[in-house]
Amino acid sequence: MKRRKFIESTATGAAALVATPLMGSCKEKPTATTPLAAEVIKPVVICTWNFLNATQKAWEVLEKGGSAIDAVEQGVMVEEADVTNQTVGKGGRPDRDGNVTLDAVIMDKDGNCGAVVYLQDITHAISVARKVMEDTPHVMLAGVGAKQFALEKGFKAENLLTEKSKKEWEKWLETAQYKPIINIENHDTIGMLALDQNGDISGACTTSGMAYKLGGRVGDSPIVGAGLFIDNEVGGATATGVGEEVVKTVGSFLIVELMRQGRSPQEACEEAIARIVKKNPSKDFQVGFIAMDKQGRTGSYCIHSGFSYRKYSPDGHENVPSGSHLKG
């Protein structure tokens, strides 16, 4: 009897020792989408390049308890209306035929999105994109149809080609050399991401595209997944630079998916740039990404040095230099 009890006791103990680590291994591991237990949501807004007036406007919305979607729309509208900014909205550099054509996309916390491509004569392309998202069953409107829709919604038509941009275009026509521009002075996009007090993320991206492009050219900016992508369970990302290269890797979607797998925003941006460089080893063009996750962590990376992003949070308002694949 004593021997039998000893064997039963030993077997029971061994089973417990085996079961314990197995049961422990089944516990849910923290991921990028798992919120912290006592997390306090801190609003954050970031945008490509040093557009401090844009982030200031977006922050004003967030600080008052406004939504991320309102913040990103109103933030990028500042640059669309700034005629000294020749890369977005009114005053943007034209295509080689002298036409200023705008592309924009906006995406909310629920995954809804709206976009316009090849829009002419309407300054606030981002607001037209939002109307497409909210007032139609469609995601994207283009060209004449996009303009007609905007006019029906009460937007006013105006000449977007300023005298300065016109004179520069006329000077360009003397040689008509078309080369992708990589330096900071001639970037072509503002992309913005915001996290509001409810913990919701939205994003916007708007551009006049590459200066002196072929008429009808559309880059990555208005393409959902390329120029911008938001997943409210994970975070968001947006891009700037030569859009053709971003489209080839669906860069913003890639970054969000990498964050879903546990990468930090910084790590995800670096991997996205690595994939672009691998596909085009010449590296004679610029691409930059920014990203933000649900915890408000941010990251950025680019090919050539000189890229930065603007960040506004409770910790302050700052311009953050981006790391780059190529140094110097």
C-alpha atoms as a PDB file:
ATOM      1  CA  MET A   1       0.000   0.000   0.000  1.00  0.00           C
ATOM      2  CA  LYS A   2       2.783   2.387   0.869  1.00  0.00           C
ATOM      3  CA  ARG A   3       4.509   1.650  -2.466  1.00  0.00           C
ATOM      4  CA  ARG A   4       1.245   2.169  -4.383  1.00  0.00           C
ATOM      5  CA  LYS A   5       0.619   5.517  -2.704  1.00  0.00           C
ATOM      6  CA  PHE A   6       4.201   6.582  -3.430  1.00  0.00           C
ATOM      7  CA  ILE A   7       3.833   5.777  -7.142  1.00  0.00           C
ATOM      8  CA  GLU A   8       0.466   7.598  -7.366  1.00  0.00           C
ATOM      9  CA  SER A   9       1.888  10.610  -5.551  1.00  0.00           C
ATOM     10  CA  THR A  10       4.950  10.699  -7.800  1.00  0.00           C
ATOM     11  CA  ALA A  11       2.860  10.414 -10.976  1.00  0.00           C
ATOM     12  CA  THR A  12       0.578  13.219  -9.864  1.00  0.00           C
ATOM     13  CA  GLY A  13       3.548  15.474  -9.077  1.00  0.00           C
ATOM     14  CA  ALA A  14       5.236  14.735 -12.399  1.00  0.00           C
ATOM     15  CA  ALA A  15       2.022  15.531 -14.279  1.00  0.00           C
ATOM     16  CA  ALA A  16       1.809  18.840 -12.469  1.00  0.00           C
ATOM     17  CA  LEU A  17       5.413  19.692 -13.347  1.00  0.00           C
ATOM     18  CA  VAL A  18       4.793  18.931 -17.027  1.00  0.00           C
ATOM     19  CA  ALA A  19       1.481  20.788 -17.150  1.00  0.00           C
ATOM     20  CA  THR A  20       2.714  23.963 -15.525  1.00  0.00           C
ATOM     21  CA  PRO A  21       5.096  25.196 -18.254  1.00  0.00           C
ATOM     22  CA  LEU A  22       2.714  24.094 -20.982  1.00  0.00           C
ATOM     23  CA  MET A  23      -0.130  26.092 -19.495  1.00  0.00           C
ATOM     24  CA  GLY A  24       2.171  29.039 -18.931  1.00  0.00           C
ATOM     25  CA  SER A  25       3.223  29.032 -22.587  1.00  0.00           C
ATOM     26  CA  CYS A  26      -0.398  29.504 -23.647  1.00  0.00           C
ATOM     27  CA  LYS A  27      -0.705  32.853 -21.942  1.00  0.00           C
ATOM     28  CA  GLU A  28      -1.257  35.782 -24.293  1.00  0.00           C
ATOM     29  CA  LYS A  29       1.949  37.629 -25.051  1.00  0.00           C
ATOM     30  CA  PRO A  30       1.918  41.438 -25.286  1.00  0.00           C
ATOM     31  CA  THR A  31       1.781  42.695 -28.867  1.00  0.00           C
ATOM     32  CA  ALA A  32       1.768  46.071 -30.577  1.00  0.00           C
ATOM     33  CA  THR A  33      -2.029  45.990 -30.412  1.00  0.00           C
ATOM     34  CA  THR A  34      -2.317  45.102 -26.726  1.00  0.00           C
ATOM     35  CA  PRO A  35      -3.051  48.287 -24.726  1.00  0.00           C
ATOM     36  CA  LEU A  36      -1.247  48.940 -21.465  1.00  0.00           C
ATOM     37  CA  ALA A  37      -3.418  48.351 -18.396  1.00  0.00           C
ATOM     38  CA  ALA A  38      -3.305  51.863 -16.955  1.00  0.00           C
ATOM     39  CA  GLU A  39      -2.499  53.688 -20.165  1.00  0.00           C
ATOM     40  CA  VAL A  40      -3.388  57.373 -20.316  1.00  0.00           C
ATOM     41  CA  ILE A  41      -4.047  58.527 -23.862  1.00  0.00           C
ATOM     42  CA  LYS A  42      -1.902  61.499 -24.802  1.00  0.00           C
ATOM     43  CA  PRO A  43      -2.839  63.217 -28.055  1.00  0.00           C
ATOM     44  CA  VAL A  44      -0.054  63.296 -30.623  1.00  0.00           C
ATOM     45  CA  VAL A  45       0.159  64.730 -34.135  1.00  0.00           C
ATOM     46  CA  ILE A  46       3.013  64.313 -36.593  1.00  0.00           C
ATOM     47  CA  CYS A  47       3.518  65.377 -40.190  1.00  0.00           C
ATOM     48  CA  THR A  48       6.130  64.953 -42.881  1.00  0.00           C
ATOM     49  CA  TRP A  49       8.666  67.768 -43.067  1.00  0.00           C
ATOM     50  CA  ASN A  50       8.887  70.821 -40.832  1.00  0.00           C
ATOM     51  CA  PHE A  51       5.333  72.151 -41.291  1.00  0.00           C
ATOM     52  CA  LEU A  52       5.015  73.720 -37.859  1.00  0.00           C
ATOM     53  CA  ASN A  53       1.890  75.758 -38.711  1.00  0.00           C
ATOM     54  CA  ALA A  54       0.107  72.591 -39.828  1.00  0.00           C
ATOM     55  CA  THR A  55       0.865  70.663 -36.652  1.00  0.00           C
ATOM     56  CA  GLN A  56       0.012  73.726 -34.580  1.00  0.00           C
ATOM     57  CA  LYS A  57      -3.453  73.841 -36.139  1.00  0.00           C
ATOM     58  CA  ALA A  58      -3.990  70.112 -35.706  1.00  0.00           C
ATOM     59  CA  TRP A  59      -2.873  70.321 -32.077  1.00  0.00           C
ATOM     60  CA  GLU A  60      -5.411  73.060 -31.379  1.00  0.00           C
ATOM     61  CA  VAL A  61      -8.130  70.636 -32.463  1.00  0.00           C
ATOM     62  CA  LEU A  62      -6.764  67.757 -30.375  1.00  0.00           C
ATOM     63  CA  GLU A  63      -6.162  69.880 -27.284  1.00  0.00           C
ATOM     64  CA  LYS A  64      -9.828  70.873 -27.240  1.00  0.00           C
ATOM     65  CA  GLY A  65     -10.865  67.224 -27.326  1.00  0.00           C
ATOM     66  CA  GLY A  66     -11.496  67.176 -31.077  1.00  0.00           C
ATOM     67  CA  SER A  67     -11.286  64.075 -33.231  1.00  0.00           C
ATOM     68  CA  ALA A  68      -8.211  62.884 -35.057  1.00  0.00           C
ATOM     69  CA  ILE A  69     -10.019  63.106 -38.407  1.00  0.00           C
ATOM     70  CA  ASP A  70     -10.817  66.794 -37.864  1.00  0.00           C
ATOM     71  CA  ALA A  71      -7.271  67.442 -36.699  1.00  0.00           C
ATOM     72  CA  VAL A  72      -5.573  65.994 -39.776  1.00  0.00           C
ATOM     73  CA  GLU A  73      -7.968  67.688 -42.193  1.00  0.00           C
ATOM     74  CA  GLN A  74      -7.604  71.112 -40.628  1.00  0.00           C
ATOM     75  CA  GLY A  75      -3.868  70.642 -40.201  1.00  0.00           C
ATOM     76  CA  VAL A  76      -3.029  69.943 -43.841  1.00  0.00           C
ATOM     77  CA  MET A  77      -5.493  72.596 -45.026  1.00  0.00           C
ATOM     78  CA  VAL A  78      -3.064  75.172 -43.637  1.00  0.00           C
ATOM     79  CA  GLU A  79      -0.462  74.123 -46.189  1.00  0.00           C
ATOM     80  CA  GLU A  80      -2.964  73.776 -49.033  1.00  0.00           C
ATOM     81  CA  ALA A  81      -3.855  77.454 -48.559  1.00  0.00           C
ATOM     82  CA  ASP A  82      -0.261  78.676 -48.172  1.00  0.00           C
ATOM     83  CA  VAL A  83       0.806  80.050 -51.577  1.00  0.00           C
ATOM     84  CA  THR A  84       4.447  80.116 -50.459  1.00  0.00           C
ATOM     85  CA  ASN A  85       4.363  76.316 -50.214  1.00  0.00           C
ATOM     86  CA  GLN A  86       4.872  75.262 -53.825  1.00  0.00           C
ATOM     87  CA  THR A  87       4.311  71.555 -53.190  1.00  0.00           C
ATOM     88  CA  VAL A  88       0.715  71.515 -51.965  1.00  0.00           C
ATOM     89  CA  GLY A  89      -2.587  73.168 -52.925  1.00  0.00           C
ATOM     90  CA  LYS A  90      -2.717  76.721 -54.229  1.00  0.00           C
ATOM     91  CA  GLY A  91       0.671  77.818 -55.498  1.00  0.00           C
ATOM     92  CA  GLY A  92       1.799  74.270 -56.204  1.00  0.00           C
ATOM     93  CA  ARG A  93       4.173  73.732 -59.119  1.00  0.00           C
ATOM     94  CA  PRO A  94       2.374  72.726 -62.311  1.00  0.00           C
ATOM     95  CA  ASP A  95       2.818  69.769 -64.644  1.00  0.00           C
ATOM     96  CA  ARG A  96       4.777  70.262 -67.859  1.00  0.00           C
ATOM     97  CA  ASP A  97       1.663  71.666 -69.548  1.00  0.00           C
ATOM     98  CA  GLY A  98       1.274  74.385 -66.918  1.00  0.00           C
ATOM     99  CA  ASN A  99      -1.642  72.820 -65.042  1.00  0.00           C
ATOM    100  CA  VAL A 100      -1.663  72.576 -61.245  1.00  0.00           C
ATOM    101  CA  THR A 101      -3.208  69.189 -60.419  1.00  0.00           C
ATOM    102  CA  LEU A 102      -3.822  67.964 -56.896  1.00  0.00           C
ATOM    103  CA  ASP A 103      -4.021  64.534 -55.256  1.00  0.00           C
ATOM    104  CA  ALA A 104      -5.241  63.842 -51.718  1.00  0.00           C
ATOM    105  CA  VAL A 105      -6.449  61.062 -49.440  1.00  0.00           C
ATOM    106  CA  ILE A 106      -7.966  60.930 -45.968  1.00  0.00           C
ATOM    107  CA  MET A 107      -8.653  57.917 -43.735  1.00  0.00           C
ATOM    108  CA  ASP A 108     -10.528  57.666 -40.442  1.00  0.00           C
ATOM    109  CA  LYS A 109     -10.516  55.397 -37.400  1.00  0.00           C
ATOM    110  CA  ASP A 110     -13.103  53.045 -38.888  1.00  0.00           C
ATOM    111  CA  GLY A 111     -11.117  52.370 -42.032  1.00  0.00           C
ATOM    112  CA  ASN A 112     -13.266  54.646 -44.167  1.00  0.00           C
ATOM    113  CA  CYS A 113     -11.307  56.552 -46.800  1.00  0.00           C
ATOM    114  CA  GLY A 114     -11.759  59.056 -49.579  1.00  0.00           C
ATOM    115  CA  ALA A 115      -9.454  60.336 -52.294  1.00  0.00           C
ATOM    116  CA  VAL A 116      -9.237  62.678 -55.255  1.00  0.00           C
ATOM    117  CA  VAL A 117      -6.726  62.504 -58.097  1.00  0.00           C
ATOM    118  CA  TYR A 118      -5.884  64.979 -60.853  1.00  0.00           C
ATOM    119  CA  LEU A 119      -8.141  67.601 -59.262  1.00  0.00           C
ATOM    120  CA  GLN A 120      -7.871  71.095 -60.754  1.00  0.00           C
ATOM    121  CA  ASP A 121      -8.957  74.580 -59.628  1.00  0.00           C
ATOM    122  CA  ILE A 122      -9.935  73.557 -56.074  1.00  0.00           C
ATOM    123  CA  THR A 123      -7.535  74.547 -53.269  1.00  0.00           C
ATOM    124  CA  HIS A 124      -8.591  72.170 -50.499  1.00  0.00           C
ATOM    125  CA  ALA A 125      -8.253  68.781 -52.118  1.00  0.00           C
ATOM    126  CA  ILE A 126      -8.214  67.116 -48.697  1.00  0.00           C
ATOM    127  CA  SER A 127     -11.681  68.444 -47.879  1.00  0.00           C
ATOM    128  CA  VAL A 128     -13.027  67.213 -51.202  1.00  0.00           C
ATOM    129  CA  ALA A 129     -11.517  63.809 -50.397  1.00  0.00           C
ATOM    130  CA  ARG A 130     -13.339  63.816 -47.067  1.00  0.00           C
ATOM    131  CA  LYS A 131     -16.610  64.602 -48.828  1.00  0.00           C
ATOM    132  CA  VAL A 132     -15.997  61.652 -51.141  1.00  0.00           C
ATOM    133  CA  MET A 133     -15.510  59.478 -48.052  1.00  0.00           C
ATOM    134  CA  GLU A 134     -18.558  60.717 -46.171  1.00  0.00           C
ATOM    135  CA  ASP A 135     -21.076  61.644 -48.862  1.00  0.00           C
ATOM    136  CA  THR A 136     -20.606  59.016 -51.594  1.00  0.00           C
ATOM    137  CA  PRO A 137     -20.414  55.217 -51.821  1.00  0.00           C
ATOM    138  CA  HIS A 138     -17.031  55.607 -53.528  1.00  0.00           C
ATOM    139  CA  VAL A 139     -13.417  55.841 -52.387  1.00  0.00           C
ATOM    140  CA  MET A 140     -11.875  57.845 -55.227  1.00  0.00           C
ATOM    141  CA  LEU A 141     -12.912  60.457 -57.778  1.00  0.00           C
ATOM    142  CA  ALA A 142     -10.674  61.741 -60.567  1.00  0.00           C
ATOM    143  CA  GLY A 143     -10.219  64.688 -62.898  1.00  0.00           C
ATOM    144  CA  VAL A 144     -13.299  66.408 -64.261  1.00  0.00           C
ATOM    145  CA  GLY A 145     -15.584  64.232 -62.157  1.00  0.00           C
ATOM    146  CA  ALA A 146     -13.761  65.168 -58.967  1.00  0.00           C
ATOM    147  CA  LYS A 147     -13.973  68.873 -59.810  1.00  0.00           C
ATOM    148  CA  GLN A 148     -17.665  68.668 -60.679  1.00  0.00           C
ATOM    149  CA  PHE A 149     -18.359  66.893 -57.392  1.00  0.00           C
ATOM    150  CA  ALA A 150     -16.438  69.580 -55.501  1.00  0.00           C
ATOM    151  CA  LEU A 151     -18.405  72.374 -57.144  1.00  0.00           C
ATOM    152  CA  GLU A 152     -21.683  70.637 -56.325  1.00  0.00           C
ATOM    153  CA  LYS A 153     -20.552  70.468 -52.694  1.00  0.00           C
ATOM    154  CA  GLY A 154     -19.978  74.198 -52.586  1.00  0.00           C
ATOM    155  CA  PHE A 155     -16.231  74.442 -53.150  1.00  0.00           C
ATOM    156  CA  LYS A 156     -15.151  77.489 -55.143  1.00  0.00           C
ATOM    157  CA  ALA A 157     -13.085  77.227 -58.321  1.00  0.00           C
ATOM    158  CA  GLU A 158      -9.991  79.411 -58.517  1.00  0.00           C
ATOM    159  CA  ASN A 159      -6.721  79.643 -60.414  1.00  0.00           C
ATOM    160  CA  LEU A 160      -4.120  77.674 -58.457  1.00  0.00           C
ATOM    161  CA  LEU A 161      -1.125  78.746 -60.573  1.00  0.00           C
ATOM    162  CA  THR A 162       0.539  81.664 -58.798  1.00  0.00           C
ATOM    163  CA  GLU A 163       2.796  84.111 -60.613  1.00  0.00           C
ATOM    164  CA  LYS A 164       5.893  82.698 -58.917  1.00  0.00           C
ATOM    165  CA  SER A 165       5.146  79.113 -59.893  1.00  0.00           C
ATOM    166  CA  LYS A 166       4.251  80.224 -63.421  1.00  0.00           C
ATOM    167  CA  LYS A 167       7.564  82.038 -63.908  1.00  0.00           C
ATOM    168  CA  GLU A 168       9.531  79.049 -62.623  1.00  0.00           C
ATOM    169  CA  TRP A 169       7.639  76.755 -65.006  1.00  0.00           C
ATOM    170  CA  GLU A 170       8.347  79.054 -67.951  1.00  0.00           C
ATOM    171  CA  LYS A 171      12.032  79.012 -67.011  1.00  0.00           C
ATOM    172  CA  TRP A 172      11.953  75.223 -66.829  1.00  0.00           C
ATOM    173  CA  LEU A 173      10.495  75.061 -70.348  1.00  0.00           C
ATOM    174  CA  GLU A 174      13.741  76.465 -71.738  1.00  0.00           C
ATOM    175  CA  THR A 175      15.474  73.123 -71.156  1.00  0.00           C
ATOM    176  CA  ALA A 176      12.542  70.905 -70.109  1.00  0.00           C
ATOM    177  CA  GLN A 177      14.824  68.542 -68.222  1.00  0.00           C
ATOM    178  CA  TYR A 178      12.888  66.191 -65.992  1.00  0.00           C
ATOM    179  CA  LYS A 179      14.776  64.684 -63.096  1.00  0.00           C
ATOM    180  CA  PRO A 180      13.371  63.354 -59.813  1.00  0.00           C
ATOM    181  CA  ILE A 181      14.242  65.880 -57.102  1.00  0.00           C
ATOM    182  CA  ILE A 182      15.627  64.528 -53.849  1.00  0.00           C
ATOM    183  CA  ASN A 183      16.574  67.628 -51.870  1.00  0.00           C
ATOM    184  CA  ILE A 184      14.556  68.931 -48.954  1.00  0.00           C
ATOM    185  CA  GLU A 185      13.632  72.225 -50.621  1.00  0.00           C
ATOM    186  CA  ASN A 186      11.592  70.502 -53.305  1.00  0.00           C
ATOM    187  CA  HIS A 187       9.664  67.832 -51.466  1.00  0.00           C
ATOM    188  CA  ASP A 188       6.184  67.256 -52.790  1.00  0.00           C
ATOM    189  CA  THR A 189       3.816  66.152 -50.012  1.00  0.00           C
ATOM    190  CA  ILE A 190       2.435  66.766 -46.556  1.00  0.00           C
ATOM    191  CA  GLY A 191       1.267  63.632 -44.797  1.00  0.00           C
ATOM    192  CA  MET A 192      -0.188  63.843 -41.284  1.00  0.00           C
ATOM    193  CA  LEU A 193      -1.123  61.333 -38.562  1.00  0.00           C
ATOM    194  CA  ALA A 194      -3.027  62.135 -35.359  1.00  0.00           C
ATOM    195  CA  LEU A 195      -3.938  60.246 -32.194  1.00  0.00           C
ATOM    196  CA  ASP A 196      -6.774  61.879 -30.239  1.00  0.00           C
ATOM    197  CA  GLN A 197      -7.854  61.696 -26.589  1.00  0.00           C
ATOM    198  CA  ASN A 198     -10.141  58.752 -27.354  1.00  0.00           C
ATOM    199  CA  GLY A 199      -7.164  56.766 -28.590  1.00  0.00           C
ATOM    200  CA  ASP A 200      -8.317  56.888 -32.216  1.00  0.00           C
ATOM    201  CA  ILE A 201      -5.960  57.426 -35.150  1.00  0.00           C
ATOM    202  CA  SER A 202      -6.667  59.126 -38.487  1.00  0.00           C
ATOM    203  CA  GLY A 203      -4.474  60.334 -41.331  1.00  0.00           C
ATOM    204  CA  ALA A 204      -4.357  62.668 -44.323  1.00  0.00           C
ATOM    205  CA  CYS A 205      -2.022  63.194 -47.253  1.00  0.00           C
ATOM    206  CA  THR A 206      -2.201  65.961 -49.878  1.00  0.00           C
ATOM    207  CA  THR A 207       0.100  67.117 -52.681  1.00  0.00           C
ATOM    208  CA  SER A 208       0.460  68.925 -55.981  1.00  0.00           C
ATOM    209  CA  GLY A 209       2.761  66.120 -57.069  1.00  0.00           C
ATOM    210  CA  MET A 210       6.112  66.264 -58.794  1.00  0.00           C
ATOM    211  CA  ALA A 211       6.933  69.544 -60.483  1.00  0.00           C
ATOM    212  CA  TYR A 212       6.675  69.372 -64.286  1.00  0.00           C
ATOM    213  CA  LYS A 213       5.341  65.819 -64.308  1.00  0.00           C
ATOM    214  CA  LEU A 214       3.558  64.385 -67.344  1.00  0.00           C
ATOM    215  CA  GLY A 215      -0.035  65.555 -67.543  1.00  0.00           C
ATOM    216  CA  GLY A 216      -2.220  62.995 -65.782  1.00  0.00           C
ATOM    217  CA  ARG A 217       0.551  61.568 -63.594  1.00  0.00           C
ATOM    218  CA  VAL A 218      -0.611  60.303 -60.198  1.00  0.00           C
ATOM    219  CA  GLY A 219       1.852  59.367 -57.471  1.00  0.00           C
ATOM    220  CA  ASP A 220       1.460  57.441 -54.254  1.00  0.00           C
ATOM    221  CA  SER A 221      -0.147  60.192 -52.169  1.00  0.00           C
ATOM    222  CA  PRO A 222      -3.838  59.491 -52.925  1.00  0.00           C
ATOM    223  CA  ILE A 223      -3.432  55.716 -53.100  1.00  0.00           C
ATOM    224  CA  VAL A 224      -4.718  53.979 -49.981  1.00  0.00           C
ATOM    225  CA  GLY A 225      -1.986  51.704 -48.696  1.00  0.00           C
ATOM    226  CA  ALA A 226       0.790  53.479 -50.567  1.00  0.00           C
ATOM    227  CA  GLY A 227       0.826  57.150 -49.543  1.00  0.00           C
ATOM    228  CA  LEU A 228      -1.271  56.580 -46.421  1.00  0.00           C
ATOM    229  CA  PHE A 229      -2.715  53.752 -44.371  1.00  0.00           C
ATOM    230  CA  ILE A 230      -4.549  53.665 -41.044  1.00  0.00           C
ATOM    231  CA  ASP A 231      -5.573  50.668 -38.953  1.00  0.00           C
ATOM    232  CA  ASN A 232      -7.070  51.819 -35.664  1.00  0.00           C
ATOM    233  CA  GLU A 233      -6.072  48.561 -33.958  1.00  0.00           C
ATOM    234  CA  VAL A 234      -2.406  49.148 -34.785  1.00  0.00           C
ATOM    235  CA  GLY A 235      -1.464  52.620 -35.994  1.00  0.00           C
ATOM    236  CA  GLY A 236      -0.784  54.545 -39.169  1.00  0.00           C
ATOM    237  CA  ALA A 237       1.879  55.527 -41.687  1.00  0.00           C
ATOM    238  CA  THR A 238       2.332  58.028 -44.498  1.00  0.00           C
ATOM    239  CA  ALA A 239       4.961  58.708 -47.138  1.00  0.00           C
ATOM    240  CA  THR A 240       6.695  61.468 -49.068  1.00  0.00           C
ATOM    241  CA  GLY A 241       9.127  61.510 -51.969  1.00  0.00           C
ATOM    242  CA  VAL A 242       9.113  59.738 -55.324  1.00  0.00           C
ATOM    243  CA  GLY A 243       5.687  58.134 -55.290  1.00  0.00           C
ATOM    244  CA  GLU A 244       6.378  55.594 -57.992  1.00  0.00           C
ATOM    245  CA  GLU A 245       8.805  53.833 -55.658  1.00  0.00           C
ATOM    246  CA  VAL A 246       6.363  53.899 -52.736  1.00  0.00           C
ATOM    247  CA  VAL A 247       3.576  52.390 -54.856  1.00  0.00           C
ATOM    248  CA  LYS A 248       5.779  49.447 -55.842  1.00  0.00           C
ATOM    249  CA  THR A 249       6.010  48.285 -52.236  1.00  0.00           C
ATOM    250  CA  VAL A 250       2.650  49.592 -50.944  1.00  0.00           C
ATOM    251  CA  GLY A 251       4.843  51.233 -48.339  1.00  0.00           C
ATOM    252  CA  SER A 252       2.411  52.646 -45.781  1.00  0.00           C
ATOM    253  CA  PHE A 253       0.390  49.437 -45.602  1.00  0.00           C
ATOM    254  CA  LEU A 254       3.624  47.490 -45.202  1.00  0.00           C
ATOM    255  CA  ILE A 255       4.666  49.617 -42.222  1.00  0.00           C
ATOM    256  CA  VAL A 256       1.333  49.150 -40.457  1.00  0.00           C
ATOM    257  CA  GLU A 257       1.469  45.403 -40.992  1.00  0.00           C
ATOM    258  CA  LEU A 258       5.001  45.281 -39.611  1.00  0.00           C
ATOM    259  CA  MET A 259       3.789  47.144 -36.518  1.00  0.00           C
ATOM    260  CA  ARG A 260       0.964  44.620 -36.213  1.00  0.00           C
ATOM    261  CA  GLN A 261       3.611  41.896 -36.055  1.00  0.00           C
ATOM    262  CA  GLY A 262       5.328  43.664 -33.164  1.00  0.00           C
ATOM    263  CA  ARG A 263       7.801  46.029 -34.836  1.00  0.00           C
ATOM    264  CA  SER A 264       8.122  49.517 -33.397  1.00  0.00           C
ATOM    265  CA  PRO A 265       7.210  52.450 -35.693  1.00  0.00           C
ATOM    266  CA  GLN A 266      10.927  53.146 -36.148  1.00  0.00           C
ATOM    267  CA  GLU A 267      11.775  49.552 -37.010  1.00  0.00           C
ATOM    268  CA  ALA A 268       8.868  49.350 -39.439  1.00  0.00           C
ATOM    269  CA  CYS A 269       9.916  52.524 -41.280  1.00  0.00           C
ATOM    270  CA  GLU A 270      13.483  51.250 -41.586  1.00  0.00           C
ATOM    271  CA  GLU A 271      12.319  47.933 -43.035  1.00  0.00           C
ATOM    272  CA  ALA A 272      10.075  49.690 -45.569  1.00  0.00           C
ATOM    273  CA  ILE A 273      12.989  51.810 -46.805  1.00  0.00           C
ATOM    274  CA  ALA A 274      15.219  48.716 -46.961  1.00  0.00           C
ATOM    275  CA  ARG A 275      12.739  47.003 -49.280  1.00  0.00           C
ATOM    276  CA  ILE A 276      12.560  50.019 -51.591  1.00  0.00           C
ATOM    277  CA  VAL A 277      16.348  50.276 -51.782  1.00  0.00           C
ATOM    278  CA  LYS A 278      16.641  46.553 -52.471  1.00  0.00           C
ATOM    279  CA  LYS A 279      14.305  46.871 -55.454  1.00  0.00           C
ATOM    280  CA  ASN A 280      16.107  49.952 -56.814  1.00  0.00           C
ATOM    281  CA  PRO A 281      19.800  49.910 -55.832  1.00  0.00           C
ATOM    282  CA  SER A 282      20.542  53.161 -57.712  1.00  0.00           C
ATOM    283  CA  LYS A 283      19.131  55.141 -54.750  1.00  0.00           C
ATOM    284  CA  ASP A 284      19.097  58.353 -56.831  1.00  0.00           C
ATOM    285  CA  PHE A 285      15.741  59.418 -55.429  1.00  0.00           C
ATOM    286  CA  GLN A 286      14.229  60.292 -52.067  1.00  0.00           C
ATOM    287  CA  VAL A 287      11.506  58.495 -50.116  1.00  0.00           C
ATOM    288  CA  GLY A 288      10.639  59.150 -46.488  1.00  0.00           C
ATOM    289  CA  PHE A 289       8.138  57.518 -44.133  1.00  0.00           C
ATOM    290  CA  ILE A 290       6.655  58.494 -40.787  1.00  0.00           C
ATOM    291  CA  ALA A 291       4.612  56.199 -38.560  1.00  0.00           C
ATOM    292  CA  MET A 292       2.753  56.176 -35.257  1.00  0.00           C
ATOM    293  CA  ASP A 293       1.280  53.344 -33.208  1.00  0.00           C
ATOM    294  CA  LYS A 294      -1.657  53.183 -30.788  1.00  0.00           C
ATOM    295  CA  GLN A 295       0.584  54.043 -27.844  1.00  0.00           C
ATOM    296  CA  GLY A 296       1.605  57.284 -29.528  1.00  0.00           C
ATOM    297  CA  ARG A 297       5.126  56.082 -30.292  1.00  0.00           C
ATOM    298  CA  THR A 298       6.516  57.553 -33.507  1.00  0.00           C
ATOM    299  CA  GLY A 299       9.236  56.786 -36.005  1.00  0.00           C
ATOM    300  CA  SER A 300      10.655  57.868 -39.355  1.00  0.00           C
ATOM    301  CA  TYR A 301      13.248  56.861 -41.913  1.00  0.00           C
ATOM    302  CA  CYS A 302      14.340  57.927 -45.401  1.00  0.00           C
ATOM    303  CA  ILE A 303      16.857  57.153 -48.132  1.00  0.00           C
ATOM    304  CA  HIS A 304      18.829  60.413 -48.293  1.00  0.00           C
ATOM    305  CA  SER A 305      19.587  62.582 -45.292  1.00  0.00           C
ATOM    306  CA  GLY A 306      17.679  65.852 -44.896  1.00  0.00           C
ATOM    307  CA  PHE A 307      14.193  64.531 -44.189  1.00  0.00           C
ATOM    308  CA  SER A 308      12.475  65.394 -40.897  1.00  0.00           C
ATOM    309  CA  TYR A 309       9.035  65.324 -39.348  1.00  0.00           C
ATOM    310  CA  ARG A 310       7.161  67.730 -37.101  1.00  0.00           C
ATOM    311  CA  LYS A 311       5.705  66.410 -33.833  1.00  0.00           C
ATOM    312  CA  TYR A 312       3.314  68.036 -31.371  1.00  0.00           C
ATOM    313  CA  SER A 313       2.454  66.277 -28.109  1.00  0.00           C
ATOM    314  CA  PRO A 314       2.015  67.167 -24.432  1.00  0.00           C
ATOM    315  CA  ASP A 315       5.807  66.993 -24.260  1.00  0.00           C
ATOM    316  CA  GLY A 316       6.205  69.906 -26.666  1.00  0.00           C
ATOM    317  CA  HIS A 317       6.439  70.974 -30.318  1.00  0.00           C
ATOM    318  CA  GLU A 318       9.557  69.867 -32.149  1.00  0.00           C
ATOM    319  CA  ASN A 319      11.118  69.138 -35.498  1.00  0.00           C
ATOM    320  CA  VAL A 320      12.565  65.617 -35.442  1.00  0.00           C
ATOM    321  CA  PRO A 321      15.426  64.814 -37.860  1.00  0.00           C
ATOM    322  CA  SER A 322      14.988  61.443 -39.538  1.00  0.00           C
ATOM    323  CA  GLY A 323      17.570  58.726 -39.748  1.00  0.00           C
ATOM    324  CA  SER A 324      18.581  57.809 -43.298  1.00  0.00           C
ATOM    325  CA  HIS A 325      19.838  54.856 -45.296  1.00  0.00           C
ATOM    326  CA  LEU A 326      22.524  57.039 -46.887  1.00  0.00           C
ATOM    327  CA  LYS A 327      24.490  59.268 -44.543  1.00  0.00           C
ATOM    328  CA  GLY A 328      25.645  62.804 -45.261  1.00  0.00           C
END
